[in-house]
Protein backbone atom coordinates (compact mmCIF):
# COMPACT_ATOMS: atom_id res chain seq x y z
CA MET A 1 158.41 -2.16 -69.38
CA SER A 2 159.10 -5.55 -70.98
CA GLU A 3 162.66 -5.41 -69.66
CA ARG A 4 161.56 -5.27 -66.01
CA ASP A 5 162.12 -8.44 -63.97
CA SER A 6 158.44 -8.63 -63.02
CA VAL A 7 157.17 -8.34 -66.62
CA THR A 8 157.28 -10.91 -69.42
CA VAL A 9 155.90 -10.11 -72.85
CA ARG A 10 155.55 -12.98 -75.31
CA VAL A 11 154.14 -12.48 -78.78
CA ILE A 12 152.25 -15.08 -80.76
CA PRO A 13 153.23 -14.35 -84.36
CA PHE A 14 150.55 -14.07 -87.01
CA LYS A 15 151.92 -17.13 -88.84
CA ALA A 16 151.05 -19.32 -85.81
CA GLY A 17 147.39 -19.17 -86.83
CA GLY A 18 144.65 -19.97 -84.33
CA PHE A 19 145.04 -21.65 -80.98
CA PRO A 20 142.70 -22.53 -78.09
CA GLY A 21 141.53 -19.44 -76.24
CA ALA A 22 142.44 -16.96 -78.99
CA GLY A 23 140.30 -13.86 -78.84
CA GLN A 24 139.48 -14.19 -75.16
CA SER A 25 140.93 -12.01 -72.43
CA VAL A 26 142.30 -14.27 -69.70
CA VAL A 27 144.23 -13.33 -66.57
CA TYR A 28 145.72 -16.33 -64.78
CA ALA A 29 146.71 -15.39 -61.23
CA GLU A 30 149.11 -18.02 -59.95
CA ALA A 31 149.41 -18.33 -56.18
CA ALA A 32 152.16 -19.82 -54.03
CA VAL A 33 149.69 -22.62 -53.30
CA PRO A 34 148.24 -23.91 -56.63
CA ARG A 35 144.82 -24.50 -55.06
CA LEU A 36 144.53 -20.72 -54.68
CA ASP A 37 145.11 -20.03 -58.39
CA THR A 38 142.33 -18.01 -60.02
CA VAL A 39 141.37 -17.18 -63.60
CA GLU A 40 139.66 -13.90 -64.40
CA LEU A 41 137.71 -13.67 -67.66
CA ASP A 42 136.22 -10.52 -69.13
CA SER A 43 132.71 -11.03 -70.44
CA THR A 44 129.82 -8.84 -71.57
CA HIS A 45 128.15 -9.15 -68.16
CA GLY A 46 131.31 -8.33 -66.23
CA PRO A 47 134.30 -10.22 -64.89
CA GLU A 48 134.10 -13.91 -64.05
CA PHE A 49 136.39 -15.58 -61.53
CA ILE A 50 137.15 -19.27 -61.96
CA ASP A 51 138.87 -21.36 -59.33
CA THR A 52 137.76 -25.00 -59.51
CA GLU A 53 140.53 -27.50 -60.28
CA ALA A 54 138.81 -28.79 -63.44
CA GLN A 55 138.33 -25.29 -64.83
CA LEU A 56 141.86 -24.21 -63.88
CA GLY A 57 143.20 -27.27 -65.71
CA LYS A 58 141.45 -26.12 -68.89
CA TYR A 59 143.02 -22.67 -68.71
CA ARG A 60 146.44 -24.04 -67.78
CA ALA A 61 146.26 -26.19 -70.94
CA GLN A 62 145.24 -23.17 -73.04
CA LEU A 63 148.11 -21.09 -71.68
CA ASP A 64 150.55 -23.96 -72.24
CA ALA A 65 149.36 -24.19 -75.87
CA ALA A 66 149.82 -20.43 -76.32
CA ALA A 67 153.29 -20.58 -74.74
CA GLY A 68 154.18 -23.37 -77.16
CA VAL A 69 153.68 -21.14 -80.20
CA ALA A 70 154.79 -17.82 -78.66
CA LEU A 71 158.14 -16.23 -79.36
CA GLY A 72 160.62 -15.93 -76.51
CA ALA A 73 160.86 -12.65 -74.58
CA ASP A 74 163.78 -11.23 -76.62
CA ALA A 75 162.27 -12.29 -79.95
CA SER A 76 158.92 -10.83 -78.87
CA ARG A 77 160.56 -7.46 -78.11
CA ASP A 78 162.25 -7.54 -81.52
CA PHE A 79 158.95 -8.40 -83.22
CA ILE A 80 157.20 -5.45 -81.53
CA ARG A 81 160.04 -3.07 -82.43
CA THR A 82 159.89 -4.19 -86.05
CA LEU A 83 156.14 -3.59 -86.19
CA ALA A 84 156.52 -0.17 -84.58
CA ASP A 85 159.28 0.78 -87.03
CA ASP A 86 157.09 -0.27 -89.97
CA LEU A 87 154.35 2.08 -88.82
């Protein structure tokens, strides 16, 4: 699936340590018009949808930080294959 044009898998290696937003499930739905972007968070009381500009800015920054430490798509696929082979 990671080789499909519509799918990008990026792995954050263990050696990267912690980063903002780690441990939280976040879906960032990017629209053609940025004002329509929405973040969906899973929480114990159900899903939350966030769409104010200030809140979106926070999650954009978290995703940018994660992207900064993540492996590229090819390296991520290799990392996953190596882990699977070790099992």
